[in-house]
Each structure stands twice: as structure tokens, then as C-alpha cells.
């Protein structure tokens, strides 16, 4: 039996931090609604003005405005709504509070005359945000998921492989499993929601536990900085500098000698399957530059010889491996 899915929702409709309303009403608002042409300001009736994303009979109705970006967003919202059933876990992150609020979904609904309408408009005023046209802004908080209750989880208690999905540009989306290590976000969060206080594990030197914590607690960006620091310790005659950022597709660290000449390049891969790396095309035999790859999650038995690399280079492999 497949577990219910886990998804996140920022709950920031049109720049408004609606977290207090979300917590009080035990609801997560999807926002970016599918509007029927000419209905929103004419009737002030949300059932008539908004297409219910959970109703397949309304899929083919005309929307306004019908731009390509708008249609893509609505299609994505519709797919998410159809995938999320009762029992799914929703996460609402608030890094400024150091918290992630987690709840179990009871259902999805479109509320025609929400009793929290004036509270939401007052919240926008407090944050110095526009409230006119009223219908336009209220439409953002009439459709969404009801939850049973909120669990207040400290941000550091959320595993890094889940946490990294919460802070991109998307307003909502699914949390994918970490297939390489057979980690299911639902199983992890199902336990964590009952015991959010367990965020400070005891010190350990046990290798397997260190491997588990590296994957659980170190995100891609932190991993890059960690490896640059380790290379600096291992190669004290060089100056190692972190460059770029996670996901930028370039090198992540540069090592130089005391005259500023490049003597080392680093590529970090939180996940790595042996494919070609950005700096491989620049590798020249005998150029005096050592090329390092550091990876946390990878196919078992991965070595420099087993990859697609054809130039001399070095691979530094962290011990935590997936199957294969």
C-alpha cells in the first residue's frame, strides 16, 4: 500500500504572510485561483466566480486570463489537488520563526463566504499591503485544504533532504522520496510529528550513524562548504575558496597556491551517478590541477575508474551509498 504524499505550501498569497490565519483556521490556502471570465467582480460569489480544482466536471471551463503561464500554473495546481487525499501531510515552513508547521489533510474545499475574510484583509492592512479590489484578494483564501491540527516542529528537526525542498521559488509542491537510500518522507514525518522534540542526538563516532546524519542533516549548500573546509585542512599549503552555489552547474571550490595559481578544482554532488562533470572538458593531462569530486549519495562501488571521466582526476567519496 502506497503511503499518502507529503507536500509543502508557503501560504503567502500576494506577498501576505498568512501564517497566523493558517494556524487559527487550520487551513492551507492554495491561492492562484482559476477564475471564470467576468465573474469575480460582477457577482462577488466565489462558487460562481472560481473553478473548483477538485471537481473534474469543471476542468474544461473557460478561464480568465488565459495566458500560457496562467494555464500552466492552474494545470499544476489541479494535478496537486487531485493527488492529495485524506491523510496526506502538509508542511508550512516559517524559517524566520525557526519552525515548520505540519498537519494531516482532512479534505479540500472551496468556501463561498469565508468567515475569516475580514481577518485576512486586516492582516494585509497590518502588513501594509493593498486590500482592493476586495474580491481579488479574498479569492486567494477561499480554496484549500483543511487539516486536523498543527504540529509545531523546530526547523532543525526536519531532515535536510526534506528541508531543501521548502525554500525554493515554488509556492507549493510535493516532497519527493530519497530513493537512493529508500527514505520515504511520509514515514519520516509521520514519526517526527509525534516526537518533534528529538532534535539533539547524542555525540557519536560510530561510522554508520555519522553516515546517516550526513544525509539527514547536511543539505547541498552546507555540504559544499564542509568539503571546502576539509580540503583546506588536508592541503594547508593551498588556499581553498568556495565559489558558486548549489545547483548552479559549475565548480564549487577552487584551490590556489601562494602565488594565486589554480592547483585544485572541486565539484560537489549531493547526489551523483557518475555522469560527466562540468570541469571535465577543461581537464588536461599534466596541467598540474587536481580535480576533486565529493559526493554523499551515489551508486555503491562508484570510483573514478567507473565513471565517464576520461581525464586524470581524483574522487573523494563520502561513505554513505545507495543501492545498485
C-alpha atoms as a PDB file:
ATOM      1  CA  UNK A   1       0.000   0.000   0.000  1.00  0.00           C
ATOM      2  CA  UNK A   2       1.373   3.391  -1.012  1.00  0.00           C
ATOM      3  CA  UNK A   3       1.718   5.991   1.711  1.00  0.00           C
ATOM      4  CA  UNK A   4      -0.118   9.327   1.381  1.00  0.00           C
ATOM      5  CA  UNK A   5       2.017  12.059  -0.106  1.00  0.00           C
ATOM      6  CA  UNK A   6       3.832  14.895   1.649  1.00  0.00           C
ATOM      7  CA  UNK A   7       3.665  18.407   0.216  1.00  0.00           C
ATOM      8  CA  UNK A   8       4.546  21.941   1.250  1.00  0.00           C
ATOM      9  CA  UNK A   9       2.623  25.188   0.890  1.00  0.00           C
ATOM     10  CA  UNK A  10       4.137  28.589   1.708  1.00  0.00           C
ATOM     11  CA  UNK A  11       0.809  30.304   2.416  1.00  0.00           C
ATOM     12  CA  UNK A  12       1.986  33.746   1.298  1.00  0.00           C
ATOM     13  CA  UNK A  13      -0.820  34.927  -1.029  1.00  0.00           C
ATOM     14  CA  UNK A  14       0.234  38.028  -2.968  1.00  0.00           C
ATOM     15  CA  UNK A  15       3.106  38.825  -0.554  1.00  0.00           C
ATOM     16  CA  UNK A  16       0.978  38.454   2.588  1.00  0.00           C
ATOM     17  CA  UNK A  17       2.336  36.266   5.380  1.00  0.00           C
ATOM     18  CA  UNK A  18      -0.889  34.468   6.276  1.00  0.00           C
ATOM     19  CA  UNK A  19       0.626  32.054   8.795  1.00  0.00           C
ATOM     20  CA  UNK A  20      -1.430  33.328  11.751  1.00  0.00           C
ATOM     21  CA  UNK A  21      -4.650  32.839   9.801  1.00  0.00           C
ATOM     22  CA  UNK A  22      -3.470  29.421   8.592  1.00  0.00           C
ATOM     23  CA  UNK A  23      -2.785  28.283  12.156  1.00  0.00           C
ATOM     24  CA  UNK A  24      -6.015  29.712  13.573  1.00  0.00           C
ATOM     25  CA  UNK A  25      -8.321  28.348  10.866  1.00  0.00           C
ATOM     26  CA  UNK A  26      -6.451  25.032  10.415  1.00  0.00           C
ATOM     27  CA  UNK A  27      -6.375  25.556   6.665  1.00  0.00           C
ATOM     28  CA  UNK A  28      -3.797  25.837   3.907  1.00  0.00           C
ATOM     29  CA  UNK A  29      -4.778  28.125   1.029  1.00  0.00           C
ATOM     30  CA  UNK A  30      -3.650  27.196  -2.473  1.00  0.00           C
ATOM     31  CA  UNK A  31      -4.010  30.693  -3.978  1.00  0.00           C
ATOM     32  CA  UNK A  32      -3.563  31.435  -7.695  1.00  0.00           C
ATOM     33  CA  UNK A  33      -7.193  30.507  -8.383  1.00  0.00           C
ATOM     34  CA  UNK A  34      -8.835  29.583 -11.685  1.00  0.00           C
ATOM     35  CA  UNK A  35     -11.196  32.476 -12.433  1.00  0.00           C
ATOM     36  CA  UNK A  36     -14.232  32.277 -14.670  1.00  0.00           C
ATOM     37  CA  UNK A  37     -14.321  35.158 -17.208  1.00  0.00           C
ATOM     38  CA  UNK A  38     -16.012  38.300 -15.906  1.00  0.00           C
ATOM     39  CA  UNK A  39     -17.440  36.731 -12.753  1.00  0.00           C
ATOM     40  CA  UNK A  40     -15.199  37.780  -9.890  1.00  0.00           C
ATOM     41  CA  UNK A  41     -16.175  41.460  -9.687  1.00  0.00           C
ATOM     42  CA  UNK A  42     -19.674  41.054 -11.136  1.00  0.00           C
ATOM     43  CA  UNK A  43     -21.243  38.687  -8.608  1.00  0.00           C
ATOM     44  CA  UNK A  44     -18.933  38.535  -5.578  1.00  0.00           C
ATOM     45  CA  UNK A  45     -19.975  34.899  -5.400  1.00  0.00           C
ATOM     46  CA  UNK A  46     -16.906  32.691  -5.166  1.00  0.00           C
ATOM     47  CA  UNK A  47     -18.698  29.466  -6.054  1.00  0.00           C
ATOM     48  CA  UNK A  48     -19.808  31.119  -9.279  1.00  0.00           C
ATOM     49  CA  UNK A  49     -16.587  33.048  -9.929  1.00  0.00           C
ATOM     50  CA  UNK A  50     -13.969  30.340  -9.262  1.00  0.00           C
ATOM     51  CA  UNK A  51     -13.454  26.934 -10.851  1.00  0.00           C
ATOM     52  CA  UNK A  52     -13.228  24.243  -8.177  1.00  0.00           C
ATOM     53  CA  UNK A  53      -9.914  22.485  -8.842  1.00  0.00           C
ATOM     54  CA  UNK A  54     -11.116  19.327  -7.123  1.00  0.00           C
ATOM     55  CA  UNK A  55     -14.139  18.945  -9.444  1.00  0.00           C
ATOM     56  CA  UNK A  56     -13.279  17.082 -12.692  1.00  0.00           C
ATOM     57  CA  UNK A  57     -16.577  18.213 -14.235  1.00  0.00           C
ATOM     58  CA  UNK A  58     -15.257  21.800 -14.257  1.00  0.00           C
ATOM     59  CA  UNK A  59     -11.935  21.000 -15.973  1.00  0.00           C
ATOM     60  CA  UNK A  60     -12.914  22.307 -19.399  1.00  0.00           C
ATOM     61  CA  UNK A  61     -14.475  25.574 -18.307  1.00  0.00           C
ATOM     62  CA  UNK A  62     -13.068  28.820 -19.674  1.00  0.00           C
ATOM     63  CA  UNK A  63     -10.586  30.684 -17.506  1.00  0.00           C
ATOM     64  CA  UNK A  64      -9.653  34.342 -17.311  1.00  0.00           C
ATOM     65  CA  UNK A  65      -6.995  35.413 -18.092  1.00  0.00           C
ATOM     66  CA  UNK A  66      -5.934  32.627 -20.437  1.00  0.00           C
ATOM     67  CA  UNK A  67      -2.207  33.267 -20.753  1.00  0.00           C
ATOM     68  CA  UNK A  68       0.197  30.363 -21.214  1.00  0.00           C
ATOM     69  CA  UNK A  69       1.817  30.934 -17.798  1.00  0.00           C
ATOM     70  CA  UNK A  70      -1.589  31.115 -16.137  1.00  0.00           C
ATOM     71  CA  UNK A  71      -2.765  27.878 -17.753  1.00  0.00           C
ATOM     72  CA  UNK A  72       0.408  26.060 -16.711  1.00  0.00           C
ATOM     73  CA  UNK A  73       0.026  27.221 -13.111  1.00  0.00           C
ATOM     74  CA  UNK A  74      -3.627  26.182 -12.946  1.00  0.00           C
ATOM     75  CA  UNK A  75      -2.832  22.787 -14.507  1.00  0.00           C
ATOM     76  CA  UNK A  76      -0.122  22.219 -11.921  1.00  0.00           C
ATOM     77  CA  UNK A  77      -2.465  23.255  -9.096  1.00  0.00           C
ATOM     78  CA  UNK A  78      -5.172  20.942 -10.412  1.00  0.00           C
ATOM     79  CA  UNK A  79      -2.805  17.947 -10.539  1.00  0.00           C
ATOM     80  CA  UNK A  80      -1.615  18.618  -6.989  1.00  0.00           C
ATOM     81  CA  UNK A  81      -5.166  18.908  -5.664  1.00  0.00           C
ATOM     82  CA  UNK A  82      -6.145  15.596  -7.314  1.00  0.00           C
ATOM     83  CA  UNK A  83      -3.085  13.808  -5.894  1.00  0.00           C
ATOM     84  CA  UNK A  84      -3.613  14.917  -2.313  1.00  0.00           C
ATOM     85  CA  UNK A  85      -6.056  12.828  -0.368  1.00  0.00           C
ATOM     86  CA  UNK A  86      -7.135  12.500   3.228  1.00  0.00           C
ATOM     87  CA  UNK A  87      -4.176  11.722   5.480  1.00  0.00           C
ATOM     88  CA  UNK A  88      -1.559  13.500   3.368  1.00  0.00           C
ATOM     89  CA  UNK A  89       0.934  15.580   5.339  1.00  0.00           C
ATOM     90  CA  UNK A  90       1.305  19.284   4.572  1.00  0.00           C
ATOM     91  CA  UNK A  91       4.250  21.398   5.705  1.00  0.00           C
ATOM     92  CA  UNK A  92       4.121  25.180   6.096  1.00  0.00           C
ATOM     93  CA  UNK A  93       7.673  26.499   6.633  1.00  0.00           C
ATOM     94  CA  UNK A  94       8.444  29.678   8.556  1.00  0.00           C
ATOM     95  CA  UNK A  95      12.240  29.960   8.800  1.00  0.00           C
ATOM     96  CA  UNK A  96      12.024  33.395  10.458  1.00  0.00           C
ATOM     97  CA  UNK A  97      10.308  31.681  13.374  1.00  0.00           C
ATOM     98  CA  UNK A  98      12.596  28.670  13.214  1.00  0.00           C
ATOM     99  CA  UNK A  99       9.536  26.453  12.757  1.00  0.00           C
ATOM    100  CA  UNK A 100       7.800  24.184  10.299  1.00  0.00           C
ATOM    101  CA  UNK A 101       4.094  23.593  10.908  1.00  0.00           C
ATOM    102  CA  UNK A 102       2.865  20.128   9.943  1.00  0.00           C
ATOM    103  CA  UNK A 103      -0.695  18.873   9.656  1.00  0.00           C
ATOM    104  CA  UNK A 104      -2.689  15.967   8.266  1.00  0.00           C
ATOM    105  CA  UNK A 105      -5.103  16.787   5.470  1.00  0.00           C
ATOM    106  CA  UNK A 106      -8.814  16.210   6.082  1.00  0.00           C
ATOM    107  CA  UNK A 107     -10.024  17.387   2.685  1.00  0.00           C
ATOM    108  CA  UNK A 108     -10.116  20.134   0.042  1.00  0.00           C
ATOM    109  CA  UNK A 109     -12.902  22.657  -0.369  1.00  0.00           C
ATOM    110  CA  UNK A 110     -13.937  25.977  -1.850  1.00  0.00           C
ATOM    111  CA  UNK A 111     -15.659  28.148   0.782  1.00  0.00           C
ATOM    112  CA  UNK A 112     -18.116  30.621  -0.709  1.00  0.00           C
ATOM    113  CA  UNK A 113     -18.307  33.157   2.124  1.00  0.00           C
ATOM    114  CA  UNK A 114     -15.302  32.513   4.374  1.00  0.00           C
ATOM    115  CA  UNK A 115     -15.838  33.698   7.957  1.00  0.00           C
ATOM    116  CA  UNK A 116     -12.157  34.654   8.071  1.00  0.00           C
ATOM    117  CA  UNK A 117     -12.477  37.195   5.211  1.00  0.00           C
ATOM    118  CA  UNK A 118     -12.220  40.313   7.402  1.00  0.00           C
ATOM    119  CA  UNK A 119      -9.377  38.787   9.415  1.00  0.00           C
ATOM    120  CA  UNK A 120      -7.418  38.248   6.219  1.00  0.00           C
ATOM    121  CA  UNK A 121      -7.978  41.773   4.954  1.00  0.00           C
ATOM    122  CA  UNK A 122      -6.977  43.144   8.365  1.00  0.00           C
ATOM    123  CA  UNK A 123      -3.820  41.047   8.182  1.00  0.00           C
ATOM    124  CA  UNK A 124      -2.973  42.558   4.793  1.00  0.00           C
ATOM    125  CA  UNK A 125      -3.540  46.068   6.155  1.00  0.00           C
ATOM    126  CA  UNK A 126      -1.288  45.336   9.121  1.00  0.00           C
ATOM    127  CA  UNK A 127       1.444  44.281   6.691  1.00  0.00           C
ATOM    128  CA  UNK A 128       0.861  47.428   4.621  1.00  0.00           C
ATOM    129  CA  UNK A 129      -0.420  45.525   1.620  1.00  0.00           C
ATOM    130  CA  UNK A 130      -3.326  46.536  -0.651  1.00  0.00           C
ATOM    131  CA  UNK A 131      -6.811  45.160   0.053  1.00  0.00           C
ATOM    132  CA  UNK A 132      -8.584  46.467  -3.045  1.00  0.00           C
ATOM    133  CA  UNK A 133     -10.206  45.023  -5.029  1.00  0.00           C
ATOM    134  CA  UNK A 134     -11.509  43.009  -2.077  1.00  0.00           C
ATOM    135  CA  UNK A 135     -12.776  40.111  -4.200  1.00  0.00           C
ATOM    136  CA  UNK A 136      -9.402  39.755  -5.912  1.00  0.00           C
ATOM    137  CA  UNK A 137      -7.550  39.341  -2.626  1.00  0.00           C
ATOM    138  CA  UNK A 138     -10.192  37.266  -0.857  1.00  0.00           C
ATOM    139  CA  UNK A 139     -10.187  34.807  -3.762  1.00  0.00           C
ATOM    140  CA  UNK A 140      -6.733  33.720  -2.607  1.00  0.00           C
ATOM    141  CA  UNK A 141      -8.058  32.394   0.710  1.00  0.00           C
ATOM    142  CA  UNK A 142     -11.310  30.651  -0.195  1.00  0.00           C
ATOM    143  CA  UNK A 143      -9.866  27.440  -1.658  1.00  0.00           C
ATOM    144  CA  UNK A 144      -7.539  24.981   0.039  1.00  0.00           C
ATOM    145  CA  UNK A 145      -7.037  22.062   2.396  1.00  0.00           C
ATOM    146  CA  UNK A 146      -8.415  21.580   5.894  1.00  0.00           C
ATOM    147  CA  UNK A 147      -6.065  19.928   8.422  1.00  0.00           C
ATOM    148  CA  UNK A 148      -6.728  18.129  11.689  1.00  0.00           C
ATOM    149  CA  UNK A 149      -4.355  20.229  13.806  1.00  0.00           C
ATOM    150  CA  UNK A 150      -0.926  21.810  13.548  1.00  0.00           C
ATOM    151  CA  UNK A 151       2.255  20.315  14.974  1.00  0.00           C
ATOM    152  CA  UNK A 152       4.928  22.893  15.751  1.00  0.00           C
ATOM    153  CA  UNK A 153       8.232  21.335  14.644  1.00  0.00           C
ATOM    154  CA  UNK A 154      11.614  23.047  15.150  1.00  0.00           C
ATOM    155  CA  UNK A 155      13.250  23.701  11.775  1.00  0.00           C
ATOM    156  CA  UNK A 156      16.462  21.787  12.657  1.00  0.00           C
ATOM    157  CA  UNK A 157      14.362  18.672  13.326  1.00  0.00           C
ATOM    158  CA  UNK A 158      13.321  18.478   9.653  1.00  0.00           C
ATOM    159  CA  UNK A 159      15.856  16.303   7.759  1.00  0.00           C
ATOM    160  CA  UNK A 160      17.955  18.288   5.295  1.00  0.00           C
ATOM    161  CA  UNK A 161      16.836  16.216   2.309  1.00  0.00           C
ATOM    162  CA  UNK A 162      13.251  17.287   3.073  1.00  0.00           C
ATOM    163  CA  UNK A 163      14.150  20.793   4.234  1.00  0.00           C
ATOM    164  CA  UNK A 164      15.926  21.648   0.985  1.00  0.00           C
ATOM    165  CA  UNK A 165      12.617  21.416  -0.919  1.00  0.00           C
ATOM    166  CA  UNK A 166      10.934  24.013   1.270  1.00  0.00           C
ATOM    167  CA  UNK A 167      12.928  27.104   0.352  1.00  0.00           C
ATOM    168  CA  UNK A 168      12.967  27.323  -3.437  1.00  0.00           C
ATOM    169  CA  UNK A 169      10.796  29.559  -5.596  1.00  0.00           C
ATOM    170  CA  UNK A 170       7.753  27.283  -5.788  1.00  0.00           C
ATOM    171  CA  UNK A 171       4.775  28.274  -3.668  1.00  0.00           C
ATOM    172  CA  UNK A 172       3.777  24.651  -3.150  1.00  0.00           C
ATOM    173  CA  UNK A 173       4.743  21.188  -4.332  1.00  0.00           C
ATOM    174  CA  UNK A 174       5.379  17.565  -3.447  1.00  0.00           C
ATOM    175  CA  UNK A 175       8.251  16.321  -1.295  1.00  0.00           C
ATOM    176  CA  UNK A 176       9.937  13.539  -3.268  1.00  0.00           C
ATOM    177  CA  UNK A 177      11.327  10.380  -1.634  1.00  0.00           C
ATOM    178  CA  UNK A 178      15.067   9.850  -1.451  1.00  0.00           C
ATOM    179  CA  UNK A 179      15.067   6.657  -3.492  1.00  0.00           C
ATOM    180  CA  UNK A 180      18.823   6.066  -3.278  1.00  0.00           C
ATOM    181  CA  UNK A 181      18.514   5.434   0.447  1.00  0.00           C
ATOM    182  CA  UNK A 182      14.905   4.189   0.445  1.00  0.00           C
ATOM    183  CA  UNK A 183      13.765   7.154   2.534  1.00  0.00           C
ATOM    184  CA  UNK A 184      10.057   7.930   2.388  1.00  0.00           C
ATOM    185  CA  UNK A 185       9.119  11.474   3.512  1.00  0.00           C
ATOM    186  CA  UNK A 186       5.768  10.269   4.831  1.00  0.00           C
ATOM    187  CA  UNK A 187       7.306   7.630   7.105  1.00  0.00           C
ATOM    188  CA  UNK A 188       9.921  10.088   8.369  1.00  0.00           C
ATOM    189  CA  UNK A 189       7.435  12.884   9.086  1.00  0.00           C
ATOM    190  CA  UNK A 190       4.796  10.529  10.460  1.00  0.00           C
ATOM    191  CA  UNK A 191       7.210   9.684  13.284  1.00  0.00           C
ATOM    192  CA  UNK A 192       8.583  13.195  13.628  1.00  0.00           C
ATOM    193  CA  UNK A 193       5.132  14.753  14.066  1.00  0.00           C
ATOM    194  CA  UNK A 194       4.631  12.659  17.195  1.00  0.00           C
ATOM    195  CA  UNK A 195       8.078  13.431  18.621  1.00  0.00           C
ATOM    196  CA  UNK A 196       9.241  16.878  17.374  1.00  0.00           C
ATOM    197  CA  UNK A 197      11.343  17.428  20.494  1.00  0.00           C
ATOM    198  CA  UNK A 198      14.014  14.925  19.429  1.00  0.00           C
ATOM    199  CA  UNK A 199      16.351  17.313  17.600  1.00  0.00           C
ATOM    200  CA  UNK A 200      19.629  16.967  19.522  1.00  0.00           C
ATOM    201  CA  UNK A 201      21.054  13.461  19.074  1.00  0.00           C
ATOM    202  CA  UNK A 202      23.966  12.437  21.309  1.00  0.00           C
ATOM    203  CA  UNK A 203      27.565  12.668  20.121  1.00  0.00           C
ATOM    204  CA  UNK A 204      28.845   9.635  18.253  1.00  0.00           C
ATOM    205  CA  UNK A 205      31.913   8.270  16.454  1.00  0.00           C
ATOM    206  CA  UNK A 206      30.026   5.277  15.027  1.00  0.00           C
ATOM    207  CA  UNK A 207      30.573   5.363  11.217  1.00  0.00           C
ATOM    208  CA  UNK A 208      27.098   4.228  10.118  1.00  0.00           C
ATOM    209  CA  UNK A 209      25.397   6.759  12.388  1.00  0.00           C
ATOM    210  CA  UNK A 210      27.667   9.515  11.054  1.00  0.00           C
ATOM    211  CA  UNK A 211      26.725   8.482   7.509  1.00  0.00           C
ATOM    212  CA  UNK A 212      23.037   8.641   8.363  1.00  0.00           C
ATOM    213  CA  UNK A 213      23.376  12.092   9.942  1.00  0.00           C
ATOM    214  CA  UNK A 214      25.321  13.466   6.991  1.00  0.00           C
ATOM    215  CA  UNK A 215      22.456  12.604   4.664  1.00  0.00           C
ATOM    216  CA  UNK A 216      19.762  13.635   7.129  1.00  0.00           C
ATOM    217  CA  UNK A 217      21.249  16.901   8.395  1.00  0.00           C
ATOM    218  CA  UNK A 218      23.576  18.262   5.692  1.00  0.00           C
ATOM    219  CA  UNK A 219      21.927  19.959   2.717  1.00  0.00           C
ATOM    220  CA  UNK A 220      23.655  20.546  -0.650  1.00  0.00           C
ATOM    221  CA  UNK A 221      24.879  24.060   0.198  1.00  0.00           C
ATOM    222  CA  UNK A 222      26.236  23.086   3.603  1.00  0.00           C
ATOM    223  CA  UNK A 223      27.898  20.044   2.061  1.00  0.00           C
ATOM    224  CA  UNK A 224      29.859  22.267  -0.346  1.00  0.00           C
ATOM    225  CA  UNK A 225      31.187  24.448   2.474  1.00  0.00           C
ATOM    226  CA  UNK A 226      32.047  21.371   4.537  1.00  0.00           C
ATOM    227  CA  UNK A 227      34.132  19.802   1.772  1.00  0.00           C
ATOM    228  CA  UNK A 228      35.947  23.073   1.012  1.00  0.00           C
ATOM    229  CA  UNK A 229      36.849  23.306   4.712  1.00  0.00           C
ATOM    230  CA  UNK A 230      38.063  19.677   4.735  1.00  0.00           C
ATOM    231  CA  UNK A 231      40.248  20.269   1.659  1.00  0.00           C
ATOM    232  CA  UNK A 232      41.738  23.330   3.344  1.00  0.00           C
ATOM    233  CA  UNK A 233      42.640  21.193   6.370  1.00  0.00           C
ATOM    234  CA  UNK A 234      44.080  18.403   4.228  1.00  0.00           C
ATOM    235  CA  UNK A 235      46.073  20.756   1.962  1.00  0.00           C
ATOM    236  CA  UNK A 236      47.373  23.547   4.234  1.00  0.00           C
ATOM    237  CA  UNK A 237      49.888  24.809   1.636  1.00  0.00           C
ATOM    238  CA  UNK A 238      46.946  25.847  -0.594  1.00  0.00           C
ATOM    239  CA  UNK A 239      44.168  28.420  -0.264  1.00  0.00           C
ATOM    240  CA  UNK A 240      40.715  26.914  -0.841  1.00  0.00           C
ATOM    241  CA  UNK A 241      37.728  29.105  -1.656  1.00  0.00           C
ATOM    242  CA  UNK A 242      34.056  28.211  -2.005  1.00  0.00           C
ATOM    243  CA  UNK A 243      32.536  29.541  -5.251  1.00  0.00           C
ATOM    244  CA  UNK A 244      29.133  29.401  -6.883  1.00  0.00           C
ATOM    245  CA  UNK A 245      26.105  27.892  -5.234  1.00  0.00           C
ATOM    246  CA  UNK A 246      24.173  24.646  -5.025  1.00  0.00           C
ATOM    247  CA  UNK A 247      22.583  23.760  -8.363  1.00  0.00           C
ATOM    248  CA  UNK A 248      24.478  26.317 -10.456  1.00  0.00           C
ATOM    249  CA  UNK A 249      26.170  23.606 -12.541  1.00  0.00           C
ATOM    250  CA  UNK A 250      29.709  24.909 -12.072  1.00  0.00           C
ATOM    251  CA  UNK A 251      32.678  24.138  -9.871  1.00  0.00           C
ATOM    252  CA  UNK A 252      32.091  24.561  -6.152  1.00  0.00           C
ATOM    253  CA  UNK A 253      35.618  25.097  -4.859  1.00  0.00           C
ATOM    254  CA  UNK A 254      38.926  26.426  -6.148  1.00  0.00           C
ATOM    255  CA  UNK A 255      42.322  25.757  -4.615  1.00  0.00           C
ATOM    256  CA  UNK A 256      45.274  28.081  -5.323  1.00  0.00           C
ATOM    257  CA  UNK A 257      48.934  28.159  -4.373  1.00  0.00           C
ATOM    258  CA  UNK A 258      50.551  31.113  -2.627  1.00  0.00           C
ATOM    259  CA  UNK A 259      51.111  32.823  -5.979  1.00  0.00           C
ATOM    260  CA  UNK A 260      47.438  32.593  -6.918  1.00  0.00           C
ATOM    261  CA  UNK A 261      47.818  29.818  -9.495  1.00  0.00           C
ATOM    262  CA  UNK A 262      44.955  27.324  -9.633  1.00  0.00           C
ATOM    263  CA  UNK A 263      46.071  23.937  -8.364  1.00  0.00           C
ATOM    264  CA  UNK A 264      42.733  22.311  -7.500  1.00  0.00           C
ATOM    265  CA  UNK A 265      39.082  22.275  -8.531  1.00  0.00           C
ATOM    266  CA  UNK A 266      36.174  20.813  -6.562  1.00  0.00           C
ATOM    267  CA  UNK A 267      32.800  19.603  -7.736  1.00  0.00           C
ATOM    268  CA  UNK A 268      30.315  18.625  -5.020  1.00  0.00           C
ATOM    269  CA  UNK A 269      27.401  16.347  -5.806  1.00  0.00           C
ATOM    270  CA  UNK A 270      24.941  15.696  -3.010  1.00  0.00           C
ATOM    271  CA  UNK A 271      23.635  13.005  -5.388  1.00  0.00           C
ATOM    272  CA  UNK A 272      25.928  11.605  -8.091  1.00  0.00           C
ATOM    273  CA  UNK A 273      25.522   8.795 -10.614  1.00  0.00           C
ATOM    274  CA  UNK A 274      28.877   9.004 -12.414  1.00  0.00           C
ATOM    275  CA  UNK A 275      27.824  11.306 -15.250  1.00  0.00           C
ATOM    276  CA  UNK A 276      30.164  13.851 -16.836  1.00  0.00           C
ATOM    277  CA  UNK A 277      31.116  16.794 -14.647  1.00  0.00           C
ATOM    278  CA  UNK A 278      31.398  20.491 -15.644  1.00  0.00           C
ATOM    279  CA  UNK A 279      35.173  20.687 -15.334  1.00  0.00           C
ATOM    280  CA  UNK A 280      35.972  17.533 -17.285  1.00  0.00           C
ATOM    281  CA  UNK A 281      36.174  19.326 -20.615  1.00  0.00           C
ATOM    282  CA  UNK A 282      38.858  21.616 -19.221  1.00  0.00           C
ATOM    283  CA  UNK A 283      40.994  18.796 -17.849  1.00  0.00           C
ATOM    284  CA  UNK A 284      44.385  18.479 -19.493  1.00  0.00           C
ATOM    285  CA  UNK A 285      46.881  15.766 -18.619  1.00  0.00           C
ATOM    286  CA  UNK A 286      49.857  17.243 -16.812  1.00  0.00           C
ATOM    287  CA  UNK A 287      48.271  20.661 -16.222  1.00  0.00           C
ATOM    288  CA  UNK A 288      49.076  20.398 -12.506  1.00  0.00           C
ATOM    289  CA  UNK A 289      45.449  20.832 -11.439  1.00  0.00           C
ATOM    290  CA  UNK A 290      43.907  18.183  -9.200  1.00  0.00           C
ATOM    291  CA  UNK A 291      40.190  17.706  -9.710  1.00  0.00           C
ATOM    292  CA  UNK A 292      38.092  16.502  -6.785  1.00  0.00           C
ATOM    293  CA  UNK A 293      34.563  15.164  -6.657  1.00  0.00           C
ATOM    294  CA  UNK A 294      32.828  14.838  -3.299  1.00  0.00           C
ATOM    295  CA  UNK A 295      29.507  13.038  -3.020  1.00  0.00           C
ATOM    296  CA  UNK A 296      27.196  11.932  -0.246  1.00  0.00           C
ATOM    297  CA  UNK A 297      24.729   9.746  -2.125  1.00  0.00           C
ATOM    298  CA  UNK A 298      25.884   7.643  -5.035  1.00  0.00           C
ATOM    299  CA  UNK A 299      25.806   4.213  -6.596  1.00  0.00           C
ATOM    300  CA  UNK A 300      27.593   1.608  -4.496  1.00  0.00           C
ATOM    301  CA  UNK A 301      31.145   0.955  -5.708  1.00  0.00           C
ATOM    302  CA  UNK A 302      31.492   4.276  -7.533  1.00  0.00           C
ATOM    303  CA  UNK A 303      35.125   5.183  -8.249  1.00  0.00           C
ATOM    304  CA  UNK A 304      36.919   7.437 -10.687  1.00  0.00           C
ATOM    305  CA  UNK A 305      37.551   4.447 -12.948  1.00  0.00           C
ATOM    306  CA  UNK A 306      33.838   3.556 -13.068  1.00  0.00           C
ATOM    307  CA  UNK A 307      32.641   6.973 -14.276  1.00  0.00           C
ATOM    308  CA  UNK A 308      32.502   8.555 -17.714  1.00  0.00           C
ATOM    309  CA  UNK A 309      35.611  10.629 -16.970  1.00  0.00           C
ATOM    310  CA  UNK A 310      38.449  10.138 -19.444  1.00  0.00           C
ATOM    311  CA  UNK A 311      40.966  12.593 -17.954  1.00  0.00           C
ATOM    312  CA  UNK A 312      43.108  12.167 -14.843  1.00  0.00           C
ATOM    313  CA  UNK A 313      41.239  13.284 -11.766  1.00  0.00           C
ATOM    314  CA  UNK A 314      40.571  12.335  -8.159  1.00  0.00           C
ATOM    315  CA  UNK A 315      37.338  11.356  -6.495  1.00  0.00           C
ATOM    316  CA  UNK A 316      36.632  11.827  -2.814  1.00  0.00           C
ATOM    317  CA  UNK A 317      33.647   9.658  -1.924  1.00  0.00           C
ATOM    318  CA  UNK A 318      31.796  10.036   1.331  1.00  0.00           C
ATOM    319  CA  UNK A 319      30.863   6.646   2.806  1.00  0.00           C
ATOM    320  CA  UNK A 320      27.079   6.828   2.542  1.00  0.00           C
ATOM    321  CA  UNK A 321      26.000   4.875  -0.529  1.00  0.00           C
ATOM    322  CA  UNK A 322      22.754   3.982  -2.216  1.00  0.00           C
ATOM    323  CA  UNK A 323      21.973   0.647  -3.730  1.00  0.00           C
ATOM    324  CA  UNK A 324      22.966  -0.538  -7.152  1.00  0.00           C
END
